[in-house]
Amino acid sequence: MRPFGRLSVLSMAALVLLGSGSGPVMAQEGAFAFEARGGRVFPIRSFRGGEGEWAGKTGAGASFGMGFTFPFPGPFGIFLGFGQRRFGCRGAICADRAEWVSTGFDVALRLVLGDRRMRPWLKGGFHSHRFEVTLLGEGGVPIETHSEGGSGFEIGGGLLIAIAERMSLSPGIHYGFGEVPFPGRRALRLEYVVADLGLVLGF
């Protein structure tokens, strides 16, 4: 199944969950909410961009993110954020201890359901990628390599667990995919899962 096909399936699942929910629906936290997240990112498969061009394996790494949610009336909100995904770089093209470091911005729609201490949430939208990595050039010379931008999508879900007034812990899982162009090479295609924990503060 292609990535856009997966996105369609996940979107349908979100609509089914929304339609099957019962009970009152609570708005987003306060006038706006700040969220900080940290966890691990796991590539679903090694990055790929053409035969022989991206030889080697891709490993798990750290994931960080932060952002703000600005509410619509009801359970929906617009999320604007910034994040970094760090993947292990293994193989003949990678310098010693090199990492694929993706830094980017998020624009997403966030949905919170329910009015209890534990509330499910869903989030999906655009995620940009700008990759940096140290690769080995001719003669094994390390070369700092940067992408020419990049784009993708992320969709995920989890729980908001209230621990104080307008303060919640937010465990979640996100699925992401994208395409990142590099100068002189085919675009790097990526697919990954993020498992992380957030702290959400309402204002």
N, C-alpha and C. Protein backbone atom coordinates (compact mmCIF):
# COMPACT_ATOMS: atom_id res chain seq x y z
N MET A 1 0.84 -1.19 0.00
CA MET A 1 0.00 0.00 0.00
C MET A 1 0.88 1.25 0.00
N ARG A 2 0.58 2.20 -0.85
CA ARG A 2 1.36 3.42 -0.92
C ARG A 2 1.07 4.31 0.28
N PRO A 3 2.02 5.26 0.61
CA PRO A 3 1.80 6.12 1.77
C PRO A 3 0.49 6.87 1.74
N PHE A 4 0.09 7.44 0.57
CA PHE A 4 -1.16 8.18 0.53
C PHE A 4 -2.35 7.25 0.75
N GLY A 5 -2.22 5.98 0.36
CA GLY A 5 -3.27 5.01 0.66
C GLY A 5 -3.38 4.77 2.15
N ARG A 6 -2.24 4.68 2.82
CA ARG A 6 -2.27 4.51 4.27
C ARG A 6 -2.92 5.71 4.94
N LEU A 7 -2.60 6.91 4.46
CA LEU A 7 -3.18 8.12 5.03
C LEU A 7 -4.69 8.11 4.89
N SER A 8 -5.20 7.64 3.74
CA SER A 8 -6.64 7.57 3.54
C SER A 8 -7.29 6.61 4.52
N VAL A 9 -6.66 5.45 4.73
CA VAL A 9 -7.20 4.48 5.67
C VAL A 9 -7.24 5.04 7.08
N LEU A 10 -6.14 5.70 7.49
CA LEU A 10 -6.09 6.28 8.83
C LEU A 10 -7.10 7.40 8.98
N SER A 11 -7.30 8.20 7.93
CA SER A 11 -8.29 9.26 7.98
C SER A 11 -9.70 8.70 8.16
N MET A 12 -10.01 7.61 7.46
CA MET A 12 -11.31 6.98 7.61
C MET A 12 -11.50 6.45 9.02
N ALA A 13 -10.43 5.88 9.60
CA ALA A 13 -10.53 5.39 10.97
C ALA A 13 -10.82 6.53 11.94
N ALA A 14 -10.20 7.69 11.71
CA ALA A 14 -10.45 8.85 12.56
C ALA A 14 -11.90 9.30 12.46
N LEU A 15 -12.47 9.29 11.25
CA LEU A 15 -13.86 9.69 11.07
C LEU A 15 -14.81 8.71 11.75
N VAL A 16 -14.49 7.41 11.68
CA VAL A 16 -15.32 6.42 12.35
C VAL A 16 -15.29 6.64 13.86
N LEU A 17 -14.10 6.91 14.42
CA LEU A 17 -13.98 7.15 15.85
C LEU A 17 -14.78 8.38 16.26
N LEU A 18 -14.70 9.43 15.45
CA LEU A 18 -15.45 10.65 15.74
C LEU A 18 -16.94 10.39 15.71
N GLY A 19 -17.39 9.65 14.71
CA GLY A 19 -18.81 9.41 14.58
C GLY A 19 -19.36 8.48 15.63
N SER A 20 -18.52 7.59 16.18
CA SER A 20 -19.00 6.62 17.15
C SER A 20 -18.86 7.09 18.58
N GLY A 21 -18.23 8.26 18.80
CA GLY A 21 -18.04 8.76 20.16
C GLY A 21 -19.36 9.11 20.81
N SER A 22 -19.46 8.92 22.13
CA SER A 22 -20.67 9.25 22.85
C SER A 22 -20.34 10.19 23.98
N GLY A 23 -21.36 10.90 24.46
CA GLY A 23 -21.17 11.80 25.57
C GLY A 23 -20.75 13.17 25.11
N PRO A 24 -20.64 14.14 26.04
CA PRO A 24 -20.30 15.52 25.69
C PRO A 24 -18.87 15.64 25.19
N VAL A 25 -18.63 16.66 24.39
CA VAL A 25 -17.30 16.89 23.82
C VAL A 25 -16.73 18.16 24.41
N MET A 26 -15.49 18.12 24.91
CA MET A 26 -14.88 19.27 25.55
C MET A 26 -13.98 19.99 24.56
N ALA A 27 -13.93 21.31 24.64
CA ALA A 27 -13.07 22.11 23.77
C ALA A 27 -11.61 21.88 24.12
N GLN A 28 -10.73 22.40 23.28
CA GLN A 28 -9.30 22.36 23.56
C GLN A 28 -9.01 23.12 24.87
N GLU A 29 -7.84 22.89 25.43
CA GLU A 29 -7.49 23.44 26.73
C GLU A 29 -7.30 24.95 26.65
N GLY A 30 -8.19 25.72 27.26
CA GLY A 30 -8.02 27.15 27.38
C GLY A 30 -8.03 27.89 26.05
N ALA A 31 -7.56 29.14 26.09
CA ALA A 31 -7.48 29.97 24.88
C ALA A 31 -6.47 29.40 23.89
N PHE A 32 -5.40 28.80 24.41
CA PHE A 32 -4.45 28.05 23.59
C PHE A 32 -3.69 27.11 24.51
N ALA A 33 -2.98 26.15 23.93
CA ALA A 33 -2.23 25.17 24.71
C ALA A 33 -0.82 25.06 24.17
N PHE A 34 0.13 24.93 25.08
CA PHE A 34 1.53 24.68 24.72
C PHE A 34 1.85 23.23 25.01
N GLU A 35 2.61 22.61 24.10
CA GLU A 35 2.92 21.18 24.22
C GLU A 35 4.40 20.95 23.93
N ALA A 36 5.07 20.18 24.80
CA ALA A 36 6.45 19.74 24.57
C ALA A 36 6.47 18.22 24.61
N ARG A 37 7.18 17.59 23.62
CA ARG A 37 7.18 16.15 23.50
C ARG A 37 8.60 15.61 23.35
N GLY A 38 8.81 14.39 23.82
CA GLY A 38 10.09 13.72 23.64
C GLY A 38 9.88 12.22 23.59
N GLY A 39 10.69 11.53 22.77
CA GLY A 39 10.54 10.08 22.67
C GLY A 39 11.53 9.49 21.69
N ARG A 40 11.11 8.42 21.00
CA ARG A 40 11.97 7.71 20.06
C ARG A 40 11.29 7.62 18.70
N VAL A 41 12.10 7.66 17.65
CA VAL A 41 11.61 7.48 16.29
C VAL A 41 12.22 6.20 15.73
N PHE A 42 11.38 5.41 15.04
CA PHE A 42 11.78 4.12 14.51
C PHE A 42 11.49 4.08 13.01
N PRO A 43 12.51 3.95 12.16
CA PRO A 43 12.24 3.81 10.72
C PRO A 43 11.54 2.50 10.45
N ILE A 44 10.52 2.52 9.61
CA ILE A 44 9.82 1.30 9.23
C ILE A 44 10.69 0.46 8.31
N ARG A 45 11.47 1.11 7.48
CA ARG A 45 12.47 0.42 6.66
C ARG A 45 13.60 1.42 6.41
N SER A 46 14.73 0.91 5.93
CA SER A 46 15.85 1.81 5.65
C SER A 46 15.45 2.84 4.61
N PHE A 47 16.00 4.03 4.72
CA PHE A 47 15.73 5.07 3.73
C PHE A 47 16.13 4.54 2.36
N ARG A 48 15.40 4.98 1.36
CA ARG A 48 15.67 4.45 0.02
C ARG A 48 15.46 5.56 -1.01
N GLY A 49 16.31 5.60 -2.02
CA GLY A 49 16.17 6.64 -3.02
C GLY A 49 16.75 6.24 -4.36
N GLY A 50 16.80 4.97 -4.65
CA GLY A 50 17.41 4.52 -5.90
C GLY A 50 18.50 3.51 -5.63
N GLU A 51 18.75 2.63 -6.55
CA GLU A 51 19.69 1.55 -6.34
C GLU A 51 21.10 2.08 -6.11
N GLY A 52 21.68 1.69 -4.98
CA GLY A 52 23.07 2.02 -4.69
C GLY A 52 23.32 3.43 -4.21
N GLU A 53 22.32 4.31 -4.28
CA GLU A 53 22.59 5.70 -3.93
C GLU A 53 22.54 5.97 -2.43
N TRP A 54 21.71 5.19 -1.70
CA TRP A 54 21.62 5.38 -0.26
C TRP A 54 21.90 4.04 0.43
N ALA A 55 23.04 3.44 0.10
CA ALA A 55 23.39 2.14 0.68
C ALA A 55 23.54 2.26 2.19
N GLY A 56 23.16 1.20 2.89
CA GLY A 56 23.30 1.21 4.34
C GLY A 56 21.96 1.10 5.03
N LYS A 57 22.00 1.00 6.36
CA LYS A 57 20.80 0.83 7.16
C LYS A 57 20.51 2.09 7.97
N THR A 58 19.26 2.20 8.38
CA THR A 58 18.81 3.33 9.17
C THR A 58 18.35 2.82 10.53
N GLY A 59 18.81 3.48 11.60
CA GLY A 59 18.48 3.03 12.94
C GLY A 59 17.55 3.98 13.68
N ALA A 60 17.06 3.53 14.83
CA ALA A 60 16.20 4.35 15.68
C ALA A 60 17.00 5.47 16.31
N GLY A 61 16.28 6.50 16.76
CA GLY A 61 16.94 7.63 17.40
C GLY A 61 15.96 8.45 18.22
N ALA A 62 16.41 9.60 18.67
CA ALA A 62 15.61 10.46 19.53
C ALA A 62 14.67 11.34 18.72
N SER A 63 13.57 11.70 19.34
CA SER A 63 12.59 12.59 18.72
C SER A 63 12.20 13.67 19.72
N PHE A 64 12.16 14.92 19.26
CA PHE A 64 11.78 16.04 20.12
C PHE A 64 10.78 16.91 19.36
N GLY A 65 9.90 17.58 20.09
CA GLY A 65 8.95 18.47 19.44
C GLY A 65 8.30 19.42 20.42
N MET A 66 7.77 20.52 19.91
CA MET A 66 7.04 21.48 20.72
C MET A 66 6.11 22.25 19.80
N GLY A 67 5.05 22.84 20.38
CA GLY A 67 4.15 23.62 19.56
C GLY A 67 2.96 24.14 20.34
N PHE A 68 2.10 24.85 19.63
CA PHE A 68 0.92 25.47 20.21
C PHE A 68 -0.32 25.00 19.47
N THR A 69 -1.41 24.81 20.22
CA THR A 69 -2.71 24.51 19.63
C THR A 69 -3.64 25.69 19.85
N PHE A 70 -4.22 26.18 18.77
CA PHE A 70 -5.18 27.29 18.82
C PHE A 70 -6.55 26.72 18.49
N PRO A 71 -7.54 26.83 19.39
CA PRO A 71 -8.78 26.09 19.22
C PRO A 71 -9.77 26.72 18.26
N PHE A 72 -10.52 25.83 17.57
CA PHE A 72 -11.80 26.19 16.96
C PHE A 72 -12.85 26.01 18.05
N PRO A 73 -14.08 26.44 17.82
CA PRO A 73 -15.16 26.04 18.73
C PRO A 73 -15.31 24.52 18.72
N GLY A 74 -15.47 23.95 19.90
CA GLY A 74 -15.64 22.51 19.99
C GLY A 74 -14.32 21.79 20.14
N PRO A 75 -14.24 20.55 19.63
CA PRO A 75 -13.10 19.69 19.92
C PRO A 75 -11.89 19.88 19.01
N PHE A 76 -11.98 20.71 17.97
CA PHE A 76 -10.91 20.84 17.00
C PHE A 76 -9.97 21.99 17.34
N GLY A 77 -8.72 21.87 16.92
CA GLY A 77 -7.74 22.93 17.07
C GLY A 77 -6.70 22.86 15.96
N ILE A 78 -6.08 23.98 15.69
CA ILE A 78 -4.98 24.05 14.74
C ILE A 78 -3.67 23.99 15.52
N PHE A 79 -2.83 23.01 15.16
CA PHE A 79 -1.53 22.84 15.83
C PHE A 79 -0.43 23.39 14.94
N LEU A 80 0.41 24.26 15.51
CA LEU A 80 1.59 24.81 14.83
C LEU A 80 2.80 24.44 15.67
N GLY A 81 3.75 23.70 15.09
CA GLY A 81 4.84 23.20 15.90
C GLY A 81 6.17 23.11 15.16
N PHE A 82 7.17 22.66 15.92
CA PHE A 82 8.54 22.53 15.44
C PHE A 82 9.09 21.25 16.05
N GLY A 83 9.82 20.46 15.26
CA GLY A 83 10.33 19.22 15.80
C GLY A 83 11.60 18.74 15.13
N GLN A 84 12.21 17.75 15.75
CA GLN A 84 13.43 17.15 15.21
C GLN A 84 13.35 15.64 15.37
N ARG A 85 13.71 14.92 14.30
CA ARG A 85 13.81 13.46 14.30
C ARG A 85 15.26 13.10 14.00
N ARG A 86 15.83 12.21 14.81
CA ARG A 86 17.22 11.82 14.64
C ARG A 86 17.28 10.30 14.40
N PHE A 87 17.80 9.92 13.24
CA PHE A 87 17.89 8.51 12.86
C PHE A 87 19.36 8.07 12.83
N GLY A 88 19.61 6.83 13.24
CA GLY A 88 20.95 6.29 13.13
C GLY A 88 21.36 6.12 11.68
N CYS A 89 22.63 6.38 11.37
CA CYS A 89 23.16 6.24 10.01
C CYS A 89 24.22 5.15 10.04
N ARG A 90 23.94 4.04 9.36
CA ARG A 90 24.84 2.89 9.39
C ARG A 90 25.14 2.46 7.96
N GLY A 91 26.37 2.07 7.71
CA GLY A 91 26.72 1.57 6.40
C GLY A 91 27.91 2.30 5.80
N ALA A 92 28.26 1.91 4.59
CA ALA A 92 29.49 2.40 3.95
C ALA A 92 29.46 3.88 3.66
N ILE A 93 28.26 4.49 3.50
CA ILE A 93 28.21 5.91 3.15
C ILE A 93 28.24 6.81 4.37
N CYS A 94 28.17 6.25 5.59
CA CYS A 94 28.02 7.05 6.81
C CYS A 94 29.35 7.24 7.51
N ALA A 95 29.60 8.45 7.96
CA ALA A 95 30.78 8.71 8.79
C ALA A 95 30.57 8.09 10.17
N ASP A 96 31.65 7.98 10.93
CA ASP A 96 31.59 7.40 12.27
C ASP A 96 30.64 8.21 13.15
N ARG A 97 29.70 7.53 13.81
CA ARG A 97 28.72 8.13 14.72
C ARG A 97 27.81 9.14 14.04
N ALA A 98 27.65 9.03 12.75
CA ALA A 98 26.79 9.97 12.03
C ALA A 98 25.32 9.67 12.31
N GLU A 99 24.50 10.70 12.23
CA GLU A 99 23.05 10.57 12.36
C GLU A 99 22.37 11.35 11.24
N TRP A 100 21.24 10.81 10.77
CA TRP A 100 20.36 11.58 9.92
C TRP A 100 19.54 12.48 10.84
N VAL A 101 19.67 13.79 10.71
CA VAL A 101 18.96 14.73 11.58
C VAL A 101 17.95 15.51 10.74
N SER A 102 16.68 15.28 11.00
CA SER A 102 15.60 15.97 10.29
C SER A 102 14.99 17.02 11.20
N THR A 103 15.01 18.27 10.75
CA THR A 103 14.40 19.37 11.49
C THR A 103 13.28 19.96 10.64
N GLY A 104 12.13 20.19 11.25
CA GLY A 104 11.03 20.68 10.43
C GLY A 104 9.91 21.29 11.24
N PHE A 105 8.89 21.76 10.51
CA PHE A 105 7.73 22.43 11.09
C PHE A 105 6.48 21.59 10.84
N ASP A 106 5.49 21.77 11.72
CA ASP A 106 4.23 21.06 11.63
C ASP A 106 3.07 22.04 11.51
N VAL A 107 2.13 21.73 10.63
CA VAL A 107 0.83 22.41 10.58
C VAL A 107 -0.20 21.28 10.53
N ALA A 108 -1.00 21.14 11.58
CA ALA A 108 -1.86 19.97 11.70
C ALA A 108 -3.20 20.34 12.32
N LEU A 109 -4.17 19.45 12.13
CA LEU A 109 -5.47 19.56 12.76
C LEU A 109 -5.49 18.60 13.94
N ARG A 110 -5.90 19.10 15.11
CA ARG A 110 -5.91 18.31 16.34
C ARG A 110 -7.34 18.17 16.84
N LEU A 111 -7.71 16.96 17.21
CA LEU A 111 -9.06 16.65 17.68
C LEU A 111 -8.97 16.03 19.07
N VAL A 112 -9.70 16.57 20.04
CA VAL A 112 -9.76 16.02 21.39
C VAL A 112 -11.21 15.61 21.67
N LEU A 113 -11.40 14.40 22.18
CA LEU A 113 -12.75 13.87 22.43
C LEU A 113 -12.97 13.62 23.91
N GLY A 114 -14.17 13.93 24.39
CA GLY A 114 -14.55 13.59 25.76
C GLY A 114 -14.36 14.73 26.74
N ASP A 115 -14.80 14.50 27.96
CA ASP A 115 -14.71 15.52 29.00
C ASP A 115 -14.23 14.92 30.32
N ARG A 116 -13.55 13.77 30.24
CA ARG A 116 -13.12 13.08 31.44
C ARG A 116 -11.62 13.31 31.68
N ARG A 117 -11.13 12.69 32.74
CA ARG A 117 -9.72 12.85 33.09
C ARG A 117 -8.81 12.29 32.01
N MET A 118 -9.23 11.22 31.34
CA MET A 118 -8.48 10.63 30.23
C MET A 118 -9.28 10.84 28.95
N ARG A 119 -8.69 11.58 28.00
CA ARG A 119 -9.39 11.92 26.76
C ARG A 119 -8.52 11.51 25.56
N PRO A 120 -9.10 10.81 24.58
CA PRO A 120 -8.34 10.48 23.37
C PRO A 120 -8.16 11.70 22.48
N TRP A 121 -7.05 11.72 21.75
CA TRP A 121 -6.80 12.78 20.77
C TRP A 121 -6.29 12.17 19.47
N LEU A 122 -6.55 12.87 18.39
CA LEU A 122 -6.05 12.53 17.06
C LEU A 122 -5.45 13.78 16.44
N LYS A 123 -4.38 13.61 15.68
CA LYS A 123 -3.73 14.75 15.04
C LYS A 123 -3.17 14.32 13.70
N GLY A 124 -3.34 15.14 12.68
CA GLY A 124 -2.79 14.83 11.37
C GLY A 124 -2.54 16.08 10.56
N GLY A 125 -1.48 16.09 9.77
CA GLY A 125 -1.21 17.24 8.93
C GLY A 125 0.17 17.20 8.30
N PHE A 126 0.60 18.36 7.85
CA PHE A 126 1.85 18.53 7.10
C PHE A 126 3.05 18.58 8.04
N HIS A 127 4.15 17.94 7.64
CA HIS A 127 5.41 18.00 8.39
C HIS A 127 6.55 18.19 7.40
N SER A 128 7.32 19.25 7.56
CA SER A 128 8.44 19.50 6.65
C SER A 128 9.71 18.82 7.18
N HIS A 129 10.67 18.57 6.28
CA HIS A 129 11.93 17.93 6.65
C HIS A 129 13.09 18.71 6.03
N ARG A 130 14.11 18.98 6.84
CA ARG A 130 15.39 19.46 6.32
C ARG A 130 16.46 18.57 6.95
N PHE A 131 17.07 17.73 6.13
CA PHE A 131 18.01 16.73 6.64
C PHE A 131 19.44 17.25 6.63
N GLU A 132 20.18 16.84 7.66
CA GLU A 132 21.63 17.04 7.73
C GLU A 132 22.26 15.70 8.11
N VAL A 133 23.37 15.36 7.48
CA VAL A 133 24.07 14.12 7.79
C VAL A 133 25.51 14.25 7.31
N THR A 134 26.42 13.55 8.00
CA THR A 134 27.83 13.51 7.56
C THR A 134 28.06 12.19 6.83
N LEU A 135 28.27 12.30 5.51
CA LEU A 135 28.52 11.12 4.68
C LEU A 135 29.99 11.07 4.28
N LEU A 136 30.41 9.89 3.83
CA LEU A 136 31.79 9.71 3.39
C LEU A 136 31.89 9.92 1.89
N GLY A 137 32.79 10.83 1.47
CA GLY A 137 33.03 11.07 0.06
C GLY A 137 34.17 10.22 -0.46
N GLU A 138 34.74 10.62 -1.59
CA GLU A 138 35.86 9.88 -2.17
C GLU A 138 37.04 9.88 -1.22
N GLY A 139 37.68 8.72 -1.08
CA GLY A 139 38.81 8.58 -0.17
C GLY A 139 38.41 8.54 1.29
N GLY A 140 37.11 8.38 1.57
CA GLY A 140 36.65 8.31 2.96
C GLY A 140 36.63 9.64 3.68
N VAL A 141 36.62 10.74 2.93
CA VAL A 141 36.61 12.08 3.56
C VAL A 141 35.20 12.42 4.01
N PRO A 142 34.99 12.78 5.30
CA PRO A 142 33.64 13.15 5.78
C PRO A 142 33.15 14.43 5.11
N ILE A 143 31.92 14.44 4.66
CA ILE A 143 31.33 15.60 4.00
C ILE A 143 29.98 15.91 4.65
N GLU A 144 29.83 17.14 5.15
CA GLU A 144 28.53 17.56 5.68
C GLU A 144 27.56 17.71 4.51
N THR A 145 26.47 16.98 4.56
CA THR A 145 25.50 16.96 3.48
C THR A 145 24.16 17.48 3.97
N HIS A 146 23.55 18.37 3.19
CA HIS A 146 22.27 18.98 3.56
C HIS A 146 21.26 18.75 2.44
N SER A 147 20.02 18.54 2.83
CA SER A 147 18.97 18.37 1.83
C SER A 147 18.53 19.72 1.30
N GLU A 148 17.77 19.67 0.21
CA GLU A 148 17.18 20.88 -0.37
C GLU A 148 15.72 20.99 0.08
N GLY A 149 15.52 21.02 1.37
CA GLY A 149 14.16 21.02 1.90
C GLY A 149 13.60 19.61 1.92
N GLY A 150 12.29 19.50 1.93
CA GLY A 150 11.62 18.21 1.97
C GLY A 150 10.26 18.35 2.61
N SER A 151 9.36 17.44 2.30
CA SER A 151 8.01 17.54 2.83
C SER A 151 7.45 16.16 3.12
N GLY A 152 6.40 16.12 3.93
CA GLY A 152 5.75 14.87 4.25
C GLY A 152 4.51 15.11 5.09
N PHE A 153 3.99 14.02 5.63
CA PHE A 153 2.79 14.09 6.46
C PHE A 153 2.99 13.23 7.70
N GLU A 154 2.33 13.60 8.78
CA GLU A 154 2.28 12.77 9.97
C GLU A 154 0.84 12.70 10.46
N ILE A 155 0.45 11.52 10.97
CA ILE A 155 -0.85 11.34 11.58
C ILE A 155 -0.66 10.47 12.81
N GLY A 156 -1.37 10.77 13.89
CA GLY A 156 -1.17 10.01 15.11
C GLY A 156 -2.31 10.18 16.08
N GLY A 157 -2.15 9.54 17.23
CA GLY A 157 -3.17 9.61 18.26
C GLY A 157 -2.61 9.22 19.60
N GLY A 158 -3.41 9.43 20.64
CA GLY A 158 -2.97 9.10 21.98
C GLY A 158 -4.00 9.52 23.00
N LEU A 159 -3.54 9.79 24.22
CA LEU A 159 -4.41 10.17 25.32
C LEU A 159 -3.94 11.47 25.96
N LEU A 160 -4.87 12.25 26.45
CA LEU A 160 -4.58 13.35 27.37
C LEU A 160 -4.98 12.89 28.76
N ILE A 161 -4.03 12.84 29.68
CA ILE A 161 -4.27 12.37 31.04
C ILE A 161 -4.07 13.56 31.98
N ALA A 162 -5.15 14.10 32.52
CA ALA A 162 -5.08 15.29 33.36
C ALA A 162 -4.35 14.98 34.66
N ILE A 163 -3.35 15.82 34.99
CA ILE A 163 -2.62 15.66 36.24
C ILE A 163 -2.78 16.89 37.14
N ALA A 164 -3.34 17.97 36.59
CA ALA A 164 -3.64 19.19 37.34
C ALA A 164 -4.59 20.00 36.48
N GLU A 165 -5.09 21.11 37.01
CA GLU A 165 -5.97 21.95 36.23
C GLU A 165 -5.22 22.51 35.02
N ARG A 166 -5.71 22.21 33.82
CA ARG A 166 -5.12 22.64 32.55
C ARG A 166 -3.68 22.15 32.37
N MET A 167 -3.38 21.00 32.93
CA MET A 167 -2.07 20.36 32.73
C MET A 167 -2.29 18.87 32.52
N SER A 168 -1.74 18.33 31.41
CA SER A 168 -1.96 16.92 31.09
C SER A 168 -0.69 16.27 30.58
N LEU A 169 -0.54 14.97 30.88
CA LEU A 169 0.44 14.15 30.20
C LEU A 169 -0.21 13.60 28.93
N SER A 170 0.60 13.41 27.88
CA SER A 170 0.04 13.05 26.59
C SER A 170 0.89 12.00 25.88
N PRO A 171 0.75 10.71 26.24
CA PRO A 171 1.43 9.66 25.46
C PRO A 171 0.81 9.54 24.08
N GLY A 172 1.64 9.23 23.07
CA GLY A 172 1.10 9.13 21.73
C GLY A 172 1.99 8.35 20.78
N ILE A 173 1.42 7.97 19.65
CA ILE A 173 2.13 7.29 18.56
C ILE A 173 1.79 8.01 17.26
N HIS A 174 2.81 8.26 16.42
CA HIS A 174 2.63 8.99 15.17
C HIS A 174 3.27 8.18 14.04
N TYR A 175 2.60 8.18 12.90
CA TYR A 175 3.14 7.58 11.68
C TYR A 175 3.47 8.71 10.71
N GLY A 176 4.67 8.66 10.12
CA GLY A 176 5.08 9.71 9.19
C GLY A 176 5.71 9.15 7.93
N PHE A 177 5.60 9.91 6.86
CA PHE A 177 6.28 9.56 5.61
C PHE A 177 6.56 10.85 4.86
N GLY A 178 7.54 10.80 3.95
CA GLY A 178 7.88 12.00 3.19
C GLY A 178 8.92 11.72 2.14
N GLU A 179 9.30 12.78 1.45
CA GLU A 179 10.31 12.71 0.40
C GLU A 179 11.21 13.93 0.53
N VAL A 180 12.53 13.70 0.51
CA VAL A 180 13.50 14.75 0.78
C VAL A 180 14.51 14.81 -0.37
N PRO A 181 14.56 15.90 -1.15
CA PRO A 181 15.53 16.01 -2.24
C PRO A 181 16.93 16.38 -1.74
N PHE A 182 17.93 15.77 -2.35
CA PHE A 182 19.33 16.09 -2.07
C PHE A 182 20.01 16.51 -3.36
N PRO A 183 20.96 17.45 -3.29
CA PRO A 183 21.67 17.85 -4.51
C PRO A 183 22.51 16.70 -5.07
N GLY A 184 22.37 16.44 -6.36
CA GLY A 184 23.17 15.42 -7.03
C GLY A 184 22.75 14.00 -6.78
N ARG A 185 21.62 13.78 -6.08
CA ARG A 185 21.15 12.43 -5.81
C ARG A 185 19.64 12.38 -6.02
N ARG A 186 19.12 11.15 -6.08
CA ARG A 186 17.68 11.00 -6.08
C ARG A 186 17.12 11.40 -4.71
N ALA A 187 15.84 11.74 -4.69
CA ALA A 187 15.20 12.12 -3.43
C ALA A 187 15.22 10.95 -2.44
N LEU A 188 15.40 11.27 -1.19
CA LEU A 188 15.38 10.28 -0.11
C LEU A 188 13.94 10.09 0.35
N ARG A 189 13.46 8.87 0.32
CA ARG A 189 12.11 8.58 0.76
C ARG A 189 12.15 7.93 2.14
N LEU A 190 11.29 8.39 3.04
CA LEU A 190 11.34 7.90 4.41
C LEU A 190 9.94 7.55 4.91
N GLU A 191 9.92 6.62 5.86
CA GLU A 191 8.69 6.15 6.48
C GLU A 191 9.07 5.73 7.90
N TYR A 192 8.32 6.18 8.90
CA TYR A 192 8.76 5.98 10.28
C TYR A 192 7.58 6.04 11.24
N VAL A 193 7.84 5.59 12.49
CA VAL A 193 6.87 5.68 13.58
C VAL A 193 7.55 6.35 14.76
N VAL A 194 6.84 7.27 15.41
CA VAL A 194 7.33 7.96 16.60
C VAL A 194 6.49 7.54 17.80
N ALA A 195 7.12 7.10 18.87
CA ALA A 195 6.46 6.84 20.15
C ALA A 195 7.01 7.84 21.16
N ASP A 196 6.14 8.69 21.73
CA ASP A 196 6.65 9.74 22.60
C ASP A 196 5.67 10.09 23.71
N LEU A 197 6.11 11.00 24.57
CA LEU A 197 5.31 11.46 25.70
C LEU A 197 5.36 12.97 25.72
N GLY A 198 4.20 13.61 25.87
CA GLY A 198 4.14 15.06 25.89
C GLY A 198 3.62 15.60 27.21
N LEU A 199 3.94 16.86 27.47
CA LEU A 199 3.36 17.62 28.57
C LEU A 199 2.61 18.77 27.96
N VAL A 200 1.30 18.88 28.25
CA VAL A 200 0.43 19.89 27.65
C VAL A 200 -0.03 20.85 28.73
N LEU A 201 0.17 22.15 28.48
CA LEU A 201 -0.23 23.21 29.41
C LEU A 201 -1.26 24.10 28.73
N GLY A 202 -2.41 24.28 29.35
CA GLY A 202 -3.45 25.15 28.81
C GLY A 202 -3.37 26.53 29.42
N PHE A 203 -3.76 27.54 28.64
CA PHE A 203 -3.71 28.95 29.09
C PHE A 203 -5.05 29.61 28.82
